[in-house]
C-alpha atoms as a PDB file:
ATOM      1  CA  MET A   1     176.527 242.072 239.134  1.00  0.00           C
ATOM      2  CA  GLY A   2     176.849 238.319 239.747  1.00  0.00           C
ATOM      3  CA  PHE A   3     175.790 236.467 242.841  1.00  0.00           C
ATOM      4  CA  PRO A   4     178.839 235.170 244.657  1.00  0.00           C
ATOM      5  CA  SER A   5     179.109 231.404 245.070  1.00  0.00           C
ATOM      6  CA  VAL A   6     180.869 229.580 247.838  1.00  0.00           C
ATOM      7  CA  LYS A   7     183.280 226.931 246.880  1.00  0.00           C
ATOM      8  CA  TRP A   8     182.988 223.814 249.035  1.00  0.00           C
ATOM      9  CA  LEU A   9     185.721 221.263 249.110  1.00  0.00           C
ATOM     10  CA  PHE A  10     185.472 217.778 250.740  1.00  0.00           C
ATOM     11  CA  GLU A  11     188.542 215.633 251.326  1.00  0.00           C
ATOM     12  CA  ILE A  12     188.029 212.110 252.519  1.00  0.00           C
ATOM     13  CA  ASN A  13     190.551 210.077 254.608  1.00  0.00           C
ATOM     14  CA  ALA A  14     188.833 206.700 254.136  1.00  0.00           C
ATOM     15  CA  ILE A  15     191.261 204.771 256.334  1.00  0.00           C
ATOM     16  CA  MET A  16     190.565 206.997 259.415  1.00  0.00           C
ATOM     17  CA  ASN A  17     186.894 207.753 258.417  1.00  0.00           C
ATOM     18  CA  ILE A  18     187.590 211.528 258.508  1.00  0.00           C
ATOM     19  CA  VAL A  19     186.189 214.168 256.190  1.00  0.00           C
ATOM     20  CA  HIS A  20     187.920 217.548 255.949  1.00  0.00           C
ATOM     21  CA  VAL A  21     185.450 220.263 254.864  1.00  0.00           C
ATOM     22  CA  GLN A  22     186.408 223.670 253.596  1.00  0.00           C
ATOM     23  CA  ALA A  23     184.281 226.538 252.241  1.00  0.00           C
ATOM     24  CA  VAL A  24     186.080 229.363 250.431  1.00  0.00           C
ATOM     25  CA  GLU A  25     184.790 232.748 249.337  1.00  0.00           C
ATOM     26  CA  SER A  26     186.341 236.202 248.894  1.00  0.00           C
ATOM     27  CA  ASN A  27     183.081 238.075 249.499  1.00  0.00           C
ATOM     28  CA  MET A  28     182.851 238.651 253.325  1.00  0.00           C
ATOM     29  CA  ARG A  29     179.116 239.160 253.073  1.00  0.00           C
ATOM     30  CA  MET A  30     178.802 235.388 252.529  1.00  0.00           C
ATOM     31  CA  GLN A  31     180.320 234.636 255.984  1.00  0.00           C
ATOM     32  CA  PRO A  32     176.947 234.133 257.714  1.00  0.00           C
ATOM     33  CA  LEU A  33     175.709 231.767 255.014  1.00  0.00           C
ATOM     34  CA  MET A  34     179.019 229.801 255.189  1.00  0.00           C
ATOM     35  CA  LEU A  35     178.787 229.452 258.909  1.00  0.00           C
ATOM     36  CA  TYR A  36     175.053 228.473 258.765  1.00  0.00           C
ATOM     37  CA  SER A  37     175.801 225.859 256.092  1.00  0.00           C
ATOM     38  CA  ALA A  38     178.719 224.489 258.114  1.00  0.00           C
ATOM     39  CA  THR A  39     176.548 224.014 261.166  1.00  0.00           C
ATOM     40  CA  LYS A  40     173.854 222.274 259.021  1.00  0.00           C
ATOM     41  CA  LEU A  41     176.449 219.856 257.624  1.00  0.00           C
ATOM     42  CA  ILE A  42     177.701 219.057 261.206  1.00  0.00           C
ATOM     43  CA  ASP A  43     174.069 218.479 262.261  1.00  0.00           C
ATOM     44  CA  LYS A  44     173.511 216.119 259.333  1.00  0.00           C
ATOM     45  CA  ALA A  45     176.810 214.282 260.100  1.00  0.00           C
ATOM     46  CA  GLN A  46     175.605 213.619 263.717  1.00  0.00           C
ATOM     47  CA  LYS A  47     172.703 211.551 262.247  1.00  0.00           C
ATOM     48  CA  TYR A  48     175.398 209.163 260.839  1.00  0.00           C
ATOM     49  CA  ASN A  49     177.609 209.035 263.947  1.00  0.00           C
ATOM     50  CA  GLY A  50     179.824 211.917 262.648  1.00  0.00           C
ATOM     51  CA  LEU A  51     181.413 214.202 265.192  1.00  0.00           C
ATOM     52  CA  PRO A  52     183.500 217.323 264.814  1.00  0.00           C
ATOM     53  CA  TYR A  53     187.142 216.508 264.831  1.00  0.00           C
ATOM     54  CA  GLU A  54     190.074 218.837 265.455  1.00  0.00           C
ATOM     55  CA  PRO A  55     191.030 220.093 261.949  1.00  0.00           C
ATOM     56  CA  ARG A  56     194.451 220.399 260.555  1.00  0.00           C
ATOM     57  CA  PRO A  57     195.687 224.059 260.321  1.00  0.00           C
ATOM     58  CA  ILE A  58     195.198 225.878 257.028  1.00  0.00           C
ATOM     59  CA  THR A  59     196.286 229.219 255.780  1.00  0.00           C
ATOM     60  CA  PRO A  60     193.739 231.147 253.661  1.00  0.00           C
ATOM     61  CA  GLY A  61     194.832 233.254 250.826  1.00  0.00           C
ATOM     62  CA  LYS A  62     194.862 237.084 250.987  1.00  0.00           C
ATOM     63  CA  GLY A  63     191.278 238.475 250.838  1.00  0.00           C
ATOM     64  CA  THR A  64     189.709 235.125 251.288  1.00  0.00           C
ATOM     65  CA  PHE A  65     187.380 233.959 253.995  1.00  0.00           C
ATOM     66  CA  VAL A  66     187.556 230.269 254.908  1.00  0.00           C
ATOM     67  CA  VAL A  67     185.358 228.036 257.004  1.00  0.00           C
ATOM     68  CA  HIS A  68     187.091 224.760 257.831  1.00  0.00           C
ATOM     69  CA  PHE A  69     186.207 221.799 259.947  1.00  0.00           C
ATOM     70  CA  SER A  70     186.682 218.096 260.055  1.00  0.00           C
ATOM     71  CA  LEU A  71     184.303 215.291 260.930  1.00  0.00           C
ATOM     72  CA  ILE A  72     185.161 211.780 262.145  1.00  0.00           C
ATOM     73  CA  PHE A  73     182.737 208.923 261.672  1.00  0.00           C
ATOM     74  CA  LYS A  74     182.443 205.723 263.598  1.00  0.00           C
ATOM     75  CA  ASN A  75     182.888 203.541 260.556  1.00  0.00           C
ATOM     76  CA  HIS A  76     183.185 203.624 256.793  1.00  0.00           C
ATOM     77  CA  ASN A  77     179.511 202.818 256.191  1.00  0.00           C
ATOM     78  CA  ASP A  78     178.433 205.804 258.267  1.00  0.00           C
ATOM     79  CA  LEU A  79     180.770 208.015 256.262  1.00  0.00           C
ATOM     80  CA  MET A  80     179.419 206.739 252.998  1.00  0.00           C
ATOM     81  CA  SER A  81     175.877 207.063 254.138  1.00  0.00           C
ATOM     82  CA  PHE A  82     176.455 210.738 255.067  1.00  0.00           C
ATOM     83  CA  PHE A  83     177.809 211.517 251.557  1.00  0.00           C
ATOM     84  CA  GLU A  84     174.872 209.507 249.934  1.00  0.00           C
ATOM     85  CA  GLN A  85     172.320 211.652 251.760  1.00  0.00           C
ATOM     86  CA  LEU A  86     174.235 214.845 250.798  1.00  0.00           C
ATOM     87  CA  LYS A  87     174.267 213.724 247.150  1.00  0.00           C
ATOM     88  CA  ASN A  88     170.551 213.025 247.313  1.00  0.00           C
ATOM     89  CA  GLY A  89     169.925 216.431 248.785  1.00  0.00           C
ATOM     90  CA  LYS A  90     168.250 215.139 251.972  1.00  0.00           C
END
Protein backbone atom coordinates (compact mmCIF):
# COMPACT_ATOMS: atom_id res chain seq x y z
CA MET A 1 0.00 0.00 0.00
CA GLY A 2 1.58 3.26 -1.15
CA PHE A 3 1.40 6.60 0.56
CA PRO A 4 -0.68 9.04 -1.49
CA SER A 5 1.11 12.11 -2.77
CA VAL A 6 -0.53 15.43 -3.44
CA LYS A 7 0.21 16.95 -6.84
CA TRP A 8 0.89 20.69 -6.56
CA LEU A 9 0.70 22.89 -9.65
CA PHE A 10 1.89 26.51 -9.81
CA GLU A 11 1.03 28.74 -12.77
CA ILE A 12 2.58 32.21 -12.91
CA ASN A 13 1.15 35.22 -14.69
CA ALA A 14 4.32 37.33 -14.57
CA ILE A 15 2.70 40.37 -16.20
CA MET A 16 0.08 40.65 -13.45
CA ASN A 17 2.30 39.21 -10.65
CA ILE A 18 -0.30 36.51 -9.95
CA VAL A 19 0.30 32.89 -9.01
CA HIS A 20 -2.46 30.30 -9.43
CA VAL A 21 -1.92 27.36 -7.09
CA GLN A 22 -3.68 24.02 -7.27
CA ALA A 23 -3.32 20.83 -5.24
CA VAL A 24 -4.90 17.67 -6.66
CA GLU A 25 -5.45 14.32 -4.95
CA SER A 26 -8.03 11.55 -5.29
CA ASN A 27 -7.65 10.33 -1.70
CA MET A 28 -10.08 12.37 0.42
CA ARG A 29 -8.06 11.55 3.55
CA MET A 30 -5.44 13.98 2.25
CA GLN A 31 -7.89 16.90 2.44
CA PRO A 32 -6.73 18.18 5.87
CA LEU A 33 -3.07 18.10 4.78
CA MET A 34 -3.89 19.91 1.55
CA LEU A 35 -5.80 22.65 3.35
CA TYR A 36 -3.07 23.00 5.98
CA SER A 37 -0.39 23.26 3.28
CA ALA A 38 -2.44 25.86 1.40
CA THR A 39 -2.74 28.06 4.50
CA LYS A 40 1.02 27.75 5.11
CA LEU A 41 1.73 28.85 1.51
CA ILE A 42 -0.60 31.84 1.92
CA ASP A 43 1.15 32.76 5.19
CA LYS A 44 4.56 32.59 3.47
CA ALA A 45 3.30 34.69 0.55
CA GLN A 46 2.23 37.43 2.96
CA LYS A 47 5.89 37.85 3.99
CA TYR A 48 6.54 38.85 0.36
CA ASN A 49 3.54 41.19 -0.05
CA GLY A 50 1.43 38.40 -1.52
CA LEU A 51 -2.30 38.46 -0.89
CA PRO A 52 -5.08 35.99 -1.69
CA TYR A 53 -6.69 36.87 -4.98
CA GLU A 54 -10.04 35.68 -6.29
CA PRO A 55 -9.23 32.56 -8.31
CA ARG A 56 -10.56 31.67 -11.68
CA PRO A 57 -13.14 28.86 -11.60
CA ILE A 58 -11.98 25.27 -12.10
CA THR A 59 -13.78 22.00 -12.58
CA PRO A 60 -12.20 19.04 -10.78
CA GLY A 61 -12.34 15.61 -12.34
CA LYS A 62 -14.58 12.86 -11.00
CA GLY A 63 -13.33 11.44 -7.71
CA THR A 64 -10.73 14.18 -7.34
CA PHE A 65 -10.33 16.65 -4.51
CA VAL A 66 -8.85 20.02 -5.47
CA VAL A 67 -7.61 22.92 -3.36
CA HIS A 68 -7.21 26.01 -5.52
CA PHE A 69 -6.27 29.58 -4.74
CA SER A 70 -4.45 32.51 -6.30
CA LEU A 71 -2.02 35.03 -4.88
CA ILE A 72 -1.27 38.50 -6.19
CA PHE A 73 2.02 40.19 -5.38
CA LYS A 74 2.91 43.88 -5.21
CA ASN A 75 5.69 43.51 -7.78
CA HIS A 76 7.71 40.99 -9.76
CA ASN A 77 10.61 40.99 -7.28
CA ASP A 78 8.27 39.98 -4.42
CA LEU A 79 6.85 37.19 -6.57
CA MET A 80 10.30 35.85 -7.44
CA SER A 81 11.48 36.15 -3.81
CA PHE A 82 8.48 34.07 -2.72
CA PHE A 83 9.38 31.30 -5.18
CA GLU A 84 13.04 31.47 -4.26
CA GLN A 85 12.24 30.84 -0.58
CA LEU A 86 9.94 27.95 -1.56
CA LYS A 87 12.70 26.46 -3.67
CA ASN A 88 15.13 26.76 -0.74
CA GLY A 89 12.64 25.10 1.63
CA LYS A 90 12.39 28.04 4.01
